[in-house]
Amino acid sequence: MKSLYDKYGGIPVISKIVHNFYGKILKSPDLKKFFENVNIESLMSHQIQLFSHVMGGPTQFDLGRLKNAHSRMNIQGEHFAEVAEILEETLEDAGVEEEDIQTIMGIVASTRSE
């Protein structure tokens, strides 16, 4: 069975999705504060690795890193929900099929406690 990583074109497509995703995140009045003084290029590089991992690509990503990275940020449920909504919209914009979006969103939802 072909992975979502392969189905959607690997790193080039995932990179575009991540860049579009952060473009939207940084326009959100409620979310942009979390990214002040953050090296966005470095963050996007990590997110490309994470998305590659989530989509079944060859990249390995330790999901435990999420909890460490987010532990001091006071992220609330409404922040997580907005990020998830933006991600879903970004995946739709990229032409990801609905069934695949739901698979990805299920994985994202499983990281909520992180």
N, C-alpha and C. Protein backbone atom coordinates (compact mmCIF):
# COMPACT_ATOMS: atom_id res chain seq x y z
N MET A 1 0.84 -1.19 0.00
CA MET A 1 0.00 0.00 0.00
C MET A 1 0.88 1.25 0.00
N LYS A 2 0.53 2.19 -0.82
CA LYS A 2 1.28 3.44 -0.95
C LYS A 2 1.00 4.34 0.25
N SER A 3 2.05 4.92 0.81
CA SER A 3 1.88 5.83 1.95
C SER A 3 1.32 7.17 1.46
N LEU A 4 0.76 7.93 2.39
CA LEU A 4 0.30 9.28 2.05
C LEU A 4 1.48 10.14 1.61
N TYR A 5 2.62 9.89 2.20
CA TYR A 5 3.84 10.61 1.82
C TYR A 5 4.11 10.42 0.32
N ASP A 6 4.08 9.18 -0.14
CA ASP A 6 4.32 8.90 -1.56
C ASP A 6 3.16 9.38 -2.44
N LYS A 7 1.94 9.17 -1.96
CA LYS A 7 0.75 9.53 -2.73
C LYS A 7 0.73 11.02 -3.09
N TYR A 8 1.19 11.86 -2.15
CA TYR A 8 1.10 13.30 -2.37
C TYR A 8 2.41 13.95 -2.80
N GLY A 9 3.44 13.16 -3.05
CA GLY A 9 4.64 13.73 -3.66
C GLY A 9 5.79 14.01 -2.73
N GLY A 10 5.74 13.51 -1.50
CA GLY A 10 6.89 13.60 -0.61
C GLY A 10 7.24 15.00 -0.15
N ILE A 11 8.53 15.19 0.08
CA ILE A 11 9.04 16.43 0.68
C ILE A 11 8.61 17.70 -0.06
N PRO A 12 8.67 17.77 -1.39
CA PRO A 12 8.30 19.03 -2.04
C PRO A 12 6.87 19.48 -1.71
N VAL A 13 5.94 18.54 -1.71
CA VAL A 13 4.54 18.88 -1.43
C VAL A 13 4.36 19.16 0.06
N ILE A 14 4.97 18.35 0.90
CA ILE A 14 4.86 18.55 2.35
C ILE A 14 5.46 19.90 2.73
N SER A 15 6.57 20.25 2.11
CA SER A 15 7.20 21.55 2.38
C SER A 15 6.25 22.69 2.02
N LYS A 16 5.59 22.59 0.89
CA LYS A 16 4.63 23.62 0.47
C LYS A 16 3.47 23.70 1.45
N ILE A 17 2.96 22.55 1.88
CA ILE A 17 1.85 22.53 2.85
C ILE A 17 2.28 23.21 4.14
N VAL A 18 3.46 22.85 4.64
CA VAL A 18 3.94 23.43 5.90
C VAL A 18 4.12 24.95 5.77
N HIS A 19 4.68 25.41 4.66
CA HIS A 19 4.87 26.85 4.47
C HIS A 19 3.51 27.57 4.41
N ASN A 20 2.55 27.01 3.72
CA ASN A 20 1.22 27.61 3.64
C ASN A 20 0.54 27.61 5.02
N PHE A 21 0.70 26.51 5.74
CA PHE A 21 0.14 26.36 7.08
C PHE A 21 0.66 27.46 8.01
N TYR A 22 1.97 27.66 8.03
CA TYR A 22 2.54 28.69 8.90
C TYR A 22 2.19 30.09 8.44
N GLY A 23 2.02 30.28 7.13
CA GLY A 23 1.57 31.57 6.64
C GLY A 23 0.22 31.94 7.24
N LYS A 24 -0.66 30.94 7.36
CA LYS A 24 -1.98 31.17 7.95
C LYS A 24 -1.89 31.32 9.47
N ILE A 25 -1.09 30.49 10.10
CA ILE A 25 -0.93 30.55 11.57
C ILE A 25 -0.45 31.94 11.99
N LEU A 26 0.52 32.47 11.27
CA LEU A 26 1.12 33.75 11.65
C LEU A 26 0.19 34.94 11.41
N LYS A 27 -0.92 34.71 10.71
CA LYS A 27 -1.92 35.76 10.52
C LYS A 27 -3.00 35.73 11.60
N SER A 28 -2.99 34.68 12.41
CA SER A 28 -4.00 34.56 13.45
C SER A 28 -3.64 35.40 14.68
N PRO A 29 -4.51 36.32 15.07
CA PRO A 29 -4.22 37.14 16.25
C PRO A 29 -4.02 36.30 17.52
N ASP A 30 -4.71 35.17 17.62
CA ASP A 30 -4.61 34.33 18.82
C ASP A 30 -3.41 33.39 18.80
N LEU A 31 -2.86 33.12 17.63
CA LEU A 31 -1.77 32.14 17.53
C LEU A 31 -0.40 32.76 17.31
N LYS A 32 -0.34 33.89 16.64
CA LYS A 32 0.96 34.45 16.27
C LYS A 32 1.84 34.75 17.48
N LYS A 33 1.23 34.99 18.64
CA LYS A 33 2.01 35.29 19.85
C LYS A 33 2.90 34.12 20.26
N PHE A 34 2.51 32.92 19.90
CA PHE A 34 3.32 31.74 20.25
C PHE A 34 4.61 31.66 19.43
N PHE A 35 4.70 32.45 18.39
CA PHE A 35 5.83 32.36 17.47
C PHE A 35 6.73 33.58 17.50
N GLU A 36 6.49 34.47 18.44
CA GLU A 36 7.38 35.61 18.61
C GLU A 36 8.74 35.08 19.07
N ASN A 37 9.78 35.62 18.53
CA ASN A 37 11.15 35.21 18.87
C ASN A 37 11.44 33.74 18.55
N VAL A 38 10.75 33.20 17.57
CA VAL A 38 10.98 31.82 17.12
C VAL A 38 11.57 31.88 15.72
N ASN A 39 12.58 31.07 15.49
CA ASN A 39 13.15 30.96 14.15
C ASN A 39 12.18 30.12 13.31
N ILE A 40 11.36 30.80 12.54
CA ILE A 40 10.28 30.14 11.79
C ILE A 40 10.85 29.16 10.76
N GLU A 41 11.94 29.51 10.10
CA GLU A 41 12.53 28.59 9.11
C GLU A 41 12.96 27.28 9.77
N SER A 42 13.58 27.38 10.93
CA SER A 42 13.98 26.19 11.66
C SER A 42 12.76 25.40 12.11
N LEU A 43 11.76 26.10 12.61
CA LEU A 43 10.53 25.44 13.04
C LEU A 43 9.87 24.71 11.87
N MET A 44 9.80 25.37 10.72
CA MET A 44 9.19 24.73 9.56
C MET A 44 9.98 23.51 9.12
N SER A 45 11.29 23.55 9.25
CA SER A 45 12.11 22.39 8.93
C SER A 45 11.73 21.20 9.82
N HIS A 46 11.54 21.47 11.10
CA HIS A 46 11.11 20.41 12.03
C HIS A 46 9.71 19.92 11.68
N GLN A 47 8.84 20.85 11.31
CA GLN A 47 7.47 20.46 10.96
C GLN A 47 7.42 19.64 9.67
N ILE A 48 8.29 19.93 8.74
CA ILE A 48 8.36 19.12 7.52
C ILE A 48 8.74 17.69 7.88
N GLN A 49 9.68 17.54 8.81
CA GLN A 49 10.05 16.20 9.28
C GLN A 49 8.87 15.52 9.97
N LEU A 50 8.17 16.28 10.82
CA LEU A 50 7.02 15.73 11.53
C LEU A 50 5.93 15.29 10.55
N PHE A 51 5.57 16.16 9.61
CA PHE A 51 4.54 15.81 8.64
C PHE A 51 4.97 14.63 7.78
N SER A 52 6.22 14.57 7.42
CA SER A 52 6.73 13.43 6.64
C SER A 52 6.53 12.14 7.43
N HIS A 53 6.84 12.19 8.70
CA HIS A 53 6.68 11.03 9.59
C HIS A 53 5.20 10.64 9.68
N VAL A 54 4.34 11.62 9.94
CA VAL A 54 2.90 11.38 10.10
C VAL A 54 2.31 10.79 8.83
N MET A 55 2.82 11.21 7.68
CA MET A 55 2.28 10.75 6.40
C MET A 55 2.95 9.47 5.89
N GLY A 56 3.76 8.85 6.74
CA GLY A 56 4.33 7.55 6.37
C GLY A 56 5.61 7.61 5.58
N GLY A 57 6.27 8.74 5.61
CA GLY A 57 7.52 8.89 4.87
C GLY A 57 8.70 8.28 5.61
N PRO A 58 9.87 8.38 5.01
CA PRO A 58 11.06 7.75 5.58
C PRO A 58 11.64 8.49 6.79
N THR A 59 11.16 9.70 7.03
CA THR A 59 11.68 10.51 8.14
C THR A 59 11.14 9.99 9.46
N GLN A 60 12.02 9.83 10.42
CA GLN A 60 11.61 9.44 11.77
C GLN A 60 11.56 10.69 12.63
N PHE A 61 10.51 10.79 13.42
CA PHE A 61 10.34 11.95 14.29
C PHE A 61 9.85 11.47 15.64
N ASP A 62 10.53 11.87 16.68
CA ASP A 62 10.14 11.49 18.04
C ASP A 62 9.01 12.39 18.50
N LEU A 63 7.79 11.84 18.55
CA LEU A 63 6.63 12.63 18.93
C LEU A 63 6.75 13.16 20.37
N GLY A 64 7.59 12.55 21.17
CA GLY A 64 7.83 13.04 22.52
C GLY A 64 8.43 14.43 22.53
N ARG A 65 9.07 14.82 21.43
CA ARG A 65 9.64 16.16 21.32
C ARG A 65 8.56 17.23 21.37
N LEU A 66 7.34 16.87 20.96
CA LEU A 66 6.25 17.84 20.95
C LEU A 66 5.95 18.35 22.36
N LYS A 67 5.87 17.43 23.30
CA LYS A 67 5.55 17.83 24.68
C LYS A 67 6.64 18.74 25.23
N ASN A 68 7.87 18.40 24.99
CA ASN A 68 8.99 19.21 25.46
C ASN A 68 8.94 20.61 24.84
N ALA A 69 8.68 20.67 23.55
CA ALA A 69 8.67 21.96 22.85
C ALA A 69 7.51 22.86 23.28
N HIS A 70 6.40 22.25 23.68
CA HIS A 70 5.20 23.02 23.98
C HIS A 70 4.92 23.19 25.47
N SER A 71 5.72 22.60 26.32
CA SER A 71 5.42 22.53 27.75
C SER A 71 5.26 23.88 28.44
N ARG A 72 5.97 24.89 28.02
CA ARG A 72 5.93 26.19 28.71
C ARG A 72 5.08 27.23 27.97
N MET A 73 4.30 26.79 27.03
CA MET A 73 3.60 27.76 26.17
C MET A 73 2.17 28.07 26.60
N ASN A 74 1.64 27.37 27.56
CA ASN A 74 0.27 27.60 28.02
C ASN A 74 -0.73 27.54 26.86
N ILE A 75 -0.62 26.51 26.06
CA ILE A 75 -1.52 26.31 24.93
C ILE A 75 -2.85 25.78 25.47
N GLN A 76 -3.92 26.46 25.11
CA GLN A 76 -5.25 26.10 25.57
C GLN A 76 -5.98 25.30 24.48
N GLY A 77 -7.09 24.70 24.86
CA GLY A 77 -7.88 23.91 23.92
C GLY A 77 -8.30 24.68 22.69
N GLU A 78 -8.66 25.95 22.89
CA GLU A 78 -9.08 26.74 21.73
C GLU A 78 -7.93 27.01 20.77
N HIS A 79 -6.69 27.08 21.29
CA HIS A 79 -5.53 27.26 20.42
C HIS A 79 -5.32 26.00 19.58
N PHE A 80 -5.39 24.84 20.25
CA PHE A 80 -5.22 23.57 19.54
C PHE A 80 -6.30 23.44 18.46
N ALA A 81 -7.53 23.79 18.81
CA ALA A 81 -8.63 23.68 17.85
C ALA A 81 -8.42 24.59 16.64
N GLU A 82 -7.92 25.81 16.88
CA GLU A 82 -7.69 26.71 15.76
C GLU A 82 -6.56 26.20 14.87
N VAL A 83 -5.51 25.69 15.47
CA VAL A 83 -4.41 25.12 14.69
C VAL A 83 -4.93 23.95 13.85
N ALA A 84 -5.74 23.09 14.45
CA ALA A 84 -6.28 21.94 13.72
C ALA A 84 -7.16 22.41 12.56
N GLU A 85 -7.96 23.43 12.80
CA GLU A 85 -8.82 23.97 11.74
C GLU A 85 -7.99 24.53 10.59
N ILE A 86 -6.94 25.26 10.92
CA ILE A 86 -6.06 25.82 9.90
C ILE A 86 -5.35 24.70 9.14
N LEU A 87 -4.93 23.67 9.85
CA LEU A 87 -4.28 22.55 9.17
C LEU A 87 -5.24 21.87 8.20
N GLU A 88 -6.45 21.62 8.66
CA GLU A 88 -7.43 20.97 7.78
C GLU A 88 -7.69 21.81 6.53
N GLU A 89 -7.84 23.10 6.72
CA GLU A 89 -8.05 24.02 5.59
C GLU A 89 -6.85 24.00 4.64
N THR A 90 -5.65 23.97 5.19
CA THR A 90 -4.43 23.96 4.37
C THR A 90 -4.33 22.66 3.58
N LEU A 91 -4.68 21.55 4.20
CA LEU A 91 -4.67 20.26 3.49
C LEU A 91 -5.70 20.25 2.37
N GLU A 92 -6.88 20.81 2.64
CA GLU A 92 -7.91 20.91 1.59
C GLU A 92 -7.39 21.76 0.43
N ASP A 93 -6.78 22.90 0.75
CA ASP A 93 -6.24 23.79 -0.28
C ASP A 93 -5.17 23.09 -1.12
N ALA A 94 -4.46 22.14 -0.52
CA ALA A 94 -3.38 21.43 -1.22
C ALA A 94 -3.92 20.26 -2.05
N GLY A 95 -5.22 20.03 -2.00
CA GLY A 95 -5.81 18.97 -2.80
C GLY A 95 -5.74 17.59 -2.16
N VAL A 96 -5.51 17.55 -0.86
CA VAL A 96 -5.49 16.26 -0.16
C VAL A 96 -6.93 15.76 -0.07
N GLU A 97 -7.12 14.48 -0.39
CA GLU A 97 -8.46 13.90 -0.38
C GLU A 97 -9.03 13.85 1.04
N GLU A 98 -10.35 13.97 1.13
CA GLU A 98 -11.03 14.05 2.43
C GLU A 98 -10.69 12.87 3.34
N GLU A 99 -10.68 11.68 2.82
CA GLU A 99 -10.36 10.50 3.64
C GLU A 99 -8.94 10.60 4.21
N ASP A 100 -8.02 11.09 3.40
CA ASP A 100 -6.64 11.25 3.85
C ASP A 100 -6.52 12.39 4.87
N ILE A 101 -7.30 13.44 4.67
CA ILE A 101 -7.31 14.53 5.66
C ILE A 101 -7.77 13.99 7.00
N GLN A 102 -8.80 13.18 6.99
CA GLN A 102 -9.32 12.64 8.25
C GLN A 102 -8.29 11.73 8.93
N THR A 103 -7.53 10.98 8.14
CA THR A 103 -6.46 10.15 8.70
C THR A 103 -5.41 11.03 9.38
N ILE A 104 -4.98 12.07 8.68
CA ILE A 104 -3.97 12.99 9.22
C ILE A 104 -4.50 13.70 10.45
N MET A 105 -5.74 14.16 10.39
CA MET A 105 -6.32 14.88 11.53
C MET A 105 -6.48 13.96 12.73
N GLY A 106 -6.73 12.67 12.50
CA GLY A 106 -6.80 11.71 13.60
C GLY A 106 -5.46 11.58 14.30
N ILE A 107 -4.39 11.57 13.53
CA ILE A 107 -3.05 11.49 14.11
C ILE A 107 -2.76 12.78 14.89
N VAL A 108 -3.11 13.91 14.32
CA VAL A 108 -2.91 15.18 15.00
C VAL A 108 -3.70 15.19 16.32
N ALA A 109 -4.94 14.77 16.28
CA ALA A 109 -5.77 14.75 17.49
C ALA A 109 -5.15 13.88 18.58
N SER A 110 -4.47 12.82 18.17
CA SER A 110 -3.85 11.92 19.15
C SER A 110 -2.68 12.58 19.87
N THR A 111 -2.19 13.70 19.35
CA THR A 111 -1.06 14.40 19.98
C THR A 111 -1.53 15.56 20.87
N ARG A 112 -2.82 15.70 21.03
CA ARG A 112 -3.36 16.85 21.76
C ARG A 112 -2.73 17.00 23.15
N SER A 113 -2.51 15.92 23.86
CA SER A 113 -1.95 16.01 25.21
C SER A 113 -0.49 16.43 25.18
N GLU A 114 0.16 16.31 24.04
CA GLU A 114 1.56 16.69 23.91
C GLU A 114 1.68 18.19 23.74
